[in-house]
Structures are given as structure tokens and as C-alpha cells.
């Protein structure tokens, strides 16, 4: 069986998707969530234009402080109240910022997330015999 999980080819496509768009920041670090006053954004938050998601705004993007800003990981979120599943990009996030984002997103008993860290393995089937 071929190994497809978390390899360099997947992340190459994620990088291309990110580089083809532009992030529109809607909430800055320290801003309060518009519905839940106890939730404070740990990093800048916005959407990647010209992408598709469960909202009309595009893919959700959390932007950390590392430069150059590159996709560092993804988060898959499930919301039982909205009956939805969503993928969020973490861009330029340090380990501490990633942990802060996970804490921010997992505060509700109805909304939970998992982290997908960036992989860089090229599977054997990815090499040619040239």
C-alpha cells in the first residue's frame, strides 16, 4: 500500500493554494470574538481570498509572527451546533502560537479541533528512476 499521509506533495499543494491568494485580516491579536466575549484572538485572523470554504469569505487563516509567513500546519474543526467541519490554515505560527490557537478554538464543548503538523517526507513512489 502506498503511503499518502502528510507528505511533501500534499504540503506543496497547500503552499500553492496559500501563495495564489491574499489573506484579508479581520481580527487582530487581542481582539474579542464577536459572539463570545470571553474569547480573545491569540494571533491575527482572517480569510484567504478566492478560496472555497463553509463560509463565503474563504479559508480561515491564523497568522503568527514567524517570517517569512508560510503555512506551518492545518487545523480541522468540527462544530456540532452548526453541523459543520472546517479546515483552518496556520501561517507563520510558532509552537506557542499554535498551542494558543488550539486553546482558543477548543473552549466550547460543541466545537473541537485536531492539529495536522506539516510533513516533509517524499514517499518512495514519488521518486523516478532517472
Protein backbone atom coordinates (compact mmCIF):
# COMPACT_ATOMS: atom_id res chain seq x y z
CA UNK A 1 0.00 0.00 0.00
CA UNK A 2 1.31 3.46 -0.90
CA UNK A 3 1.91 5.94 1.88
CA UNK A 4 -0.01 9.14 1.11
CA UNK A 5 -0.39 10.69 4.55
CA UNK A 6 1.27 14.01 5.43
CA UNK A 7 3.87 14.02 2.71
CA UNK A 8 5.66 16.76 0.81
CA UNK A 9 3.36 16.54 -2.22
CA UNK A 10 0.29 17.38 -0.11
CA UNK A 11 2.04 20.35 1.51
CA UNK A 12 3.24 21.56 -1.89
CA UNK A 13 -0.42 21.89 -2.92
CA UNK A 14 -1.29 23.64 0.36
CA UNK A 15 1.57 26.12 -0.20
CA UNK A 16 0.40 26.77 -3.76
CA UNK A 17 -3.15 27.43 -2.56
CA UNK A 18 -1.82 29.87 0.04
CA UNK A 19 0.53 31.65 -2.38
CA UNK A 20 -2.21 32.10 -5.00
CA UNK A 21 -4.41 34.02 -2.56
CA UNK A 22 -4.20 37.01 -0.28
CA UNK A 23 -5.06 36.98 3.43
CA UNK A 24 -7.65 39.54 4.48
CA UNK A 25 -7.15 40.13 8.22
CA UNK A 26 -10.48 40.64 10.02
CA UNK A 27 -9.45 40.27 13.66
CA UNK A 28 -6.16 41.30 15.19
CA UNK A 29 -4.33 39.67 18.06
CA UNK A 30 -6.08 40.74 21.26
CA UNK A 31 -9.47 41.42 19.64
CA UNK A 32 -12.56 39.93 21.27
CA UNK A 33 -14.63 37.33 19.45
CA UNK A 34 -17.81 38.97 18.07
CA UNK A 35 -20.15 36.47 19.78
CA UNK A 36 -18.19 35.11 22.77
CA UNK A 37 -16.74 37.97 24.84
CA UNK A 38 -14.51 35.63 26.85
CA UNK A 39 -12.62 34.54 23.70
CA UNK A 40 -9.62 36.70 22.76
CA UNK A 41 -7.85 36.13 19.45
CA UNK A 42 -4.29 34.90 20.18
CA UNK A 43 -2.95 35.92 16.74
CA UNK A 44 -4.26 37.80 13.70
CA UNK A 45 -7.18 36.05 11.99
CA UNK A 46 -8.67 36.36 8.54
CA UNK A 47 -9.59 34.58 5.35
CA UNK A 48 -7.75 33.61 2.20
CA UNK A 49 -9.47 35.31 -0.71
CA UNK A 50 -10.53 33.41 -3.83
CA UNK A 51 -10.79 30.09 -1.96
CA UNK A 52 -13.81 27.99 -1.03
CA UNK A 53 -14.88 27.12 2.49
CA UNK A 54 -18.03 26.65 4.56
CA UNK A 55 -18.35 30.44 4.63
CA UNK A 56 -18.47 32.83 1.69
CA UNK A 57 -15.29 34.51 2.93
CA UNK A 58 -12.77 31.78 2.03
CA UNK A 59 -10.48 29.55 4.07
CA UNK A 60 -9.82 30.63 7.65
CA UNK A 61 -6.23 31.70 8.31
CA UNK A 62 -4.45 32.34 11.63
CA UNK A 63 -1.30 34.41 11.11
CA UNK A 64 1.57 34.16 13.59
CA UNK A 65 4.77 36.14 13.99
CA UNK A 66 7.32 33.96 12.15
CA UNK A 67 8.66 35.37 8.89
CA UNK A 68 8.62 34.58 6.11
CA UNK A 69 4.98 33.70 6.58
CA UNK A 70 4.50 30.15 5.34
CA UNK A 71 1.90 27.51 6.14
CA UNK A 72 3.10 25.78 9.31
CA UNK A 73 0.13 23.47 9.97
CA UNK A 74 -3.58 22.93 9.47
CA UNK A 75 -6.44 22.55 11.91
CA UNK A 76 -9.56 20.53 11.25
CA UNK A 77 -12.51 21.78 13.28
CA UNK A 78 -15.86 20.14 13.96
CA UNK A 79 -18.82 22.16 15.23
CA UNK A 80 -21.75 20.07 16.44
CA UNK A 81 -24.12 23.05 16.78
CA UNK A 82 -23.50 24.19 13.19
CA UNK A 83 -23.20 20.58 11.98
CA UNK A 84 -20.05 21.53 10.09
CA UNK A 85 -16.41 20.62 9.54
CA UNK A 86 -13.82 23.20 8.52
CA UNK A 87 -10.10 23.38 7.71
CA UNK A 88 -8.05 26.31 9.00
CA UNK A 89 -4.53 27.33 7.92
CA UNK A 90 -1.88 28.34 10.41
CA UNK A 91 0.66 30.62 8.75
CA UNK A 92 3.94 31.67 10.33
CA UNK A 93 2.93 30.27 13.72
CA UNK A 94 5.41 29.41 16.44
CA UNK A 95 4.79 26.38 18.66
CA UNK A 96 3.48 28.67 21.42
CA UNK A 97 1.12 30.46 19.00
CA UNK A 98 -0.13 27.11 17.69
CA UNK A 99 -0.91 25.98 21.24
CA UNK A 100 -2.68 29.29 21.95
CA UNK A 101 -4.80 28.87 18.79
CA UNK A 102 -5.72 25.30 19.79
CA UNK A 103 -6.76 26.53 23.24
CA UNK A 104 -8.77 29.37 21.66
CA UNK A 105 -10.62 27.01 19.30
CA UNK A 106 -11.32 24.26 21.84
CA UNK A 107 -13.01 26.33 24.56
CA UNK A 108 -16.52 25.17 23.69
CA UNK A 109 -17.83 21.69 24.37
CA UNK A 110 -19.55 21.83 20.96
CA UNK A 111 -16.51 22.84 18.89
CA UNK A 112 -13.35 20.69 18.84
CA UNK A 113 -10.25 20.60 16.67
CA UNK A 114 -7.25 18.49 15.74
CA UNK A 115 -3.86 19.70 14.53
CA UNK A 116 -2.14 18.43 11.39
CA UNK A 117 1.55 19.28 11.55
CA UNK A 118 3.49 19.84 8.38
CA UNK A 119 5.25 16.80 6.97
CA UNK A 120 8.12 16.81 4.50
CA UNK A 121 8.63 13.16 3.66
CA UNK A 122 8.71 12.23 -0.01
CA UNK A 123 7.31 8.71 -0.35
CA UNK A 124 9.25 6.13 -2.38
CA UNK A 125 6.64 6.23 -5.14
CA UNK A 126 7.45 9.93 -5.61
CA UNK A 127 10.92 9.29 -6.97
CA UNK A 128 11.68 8.42 -10.58
CA UNK A 129 14.36 6.00 -11.70
CA UNK A 130 16.16 8.55 -13.91
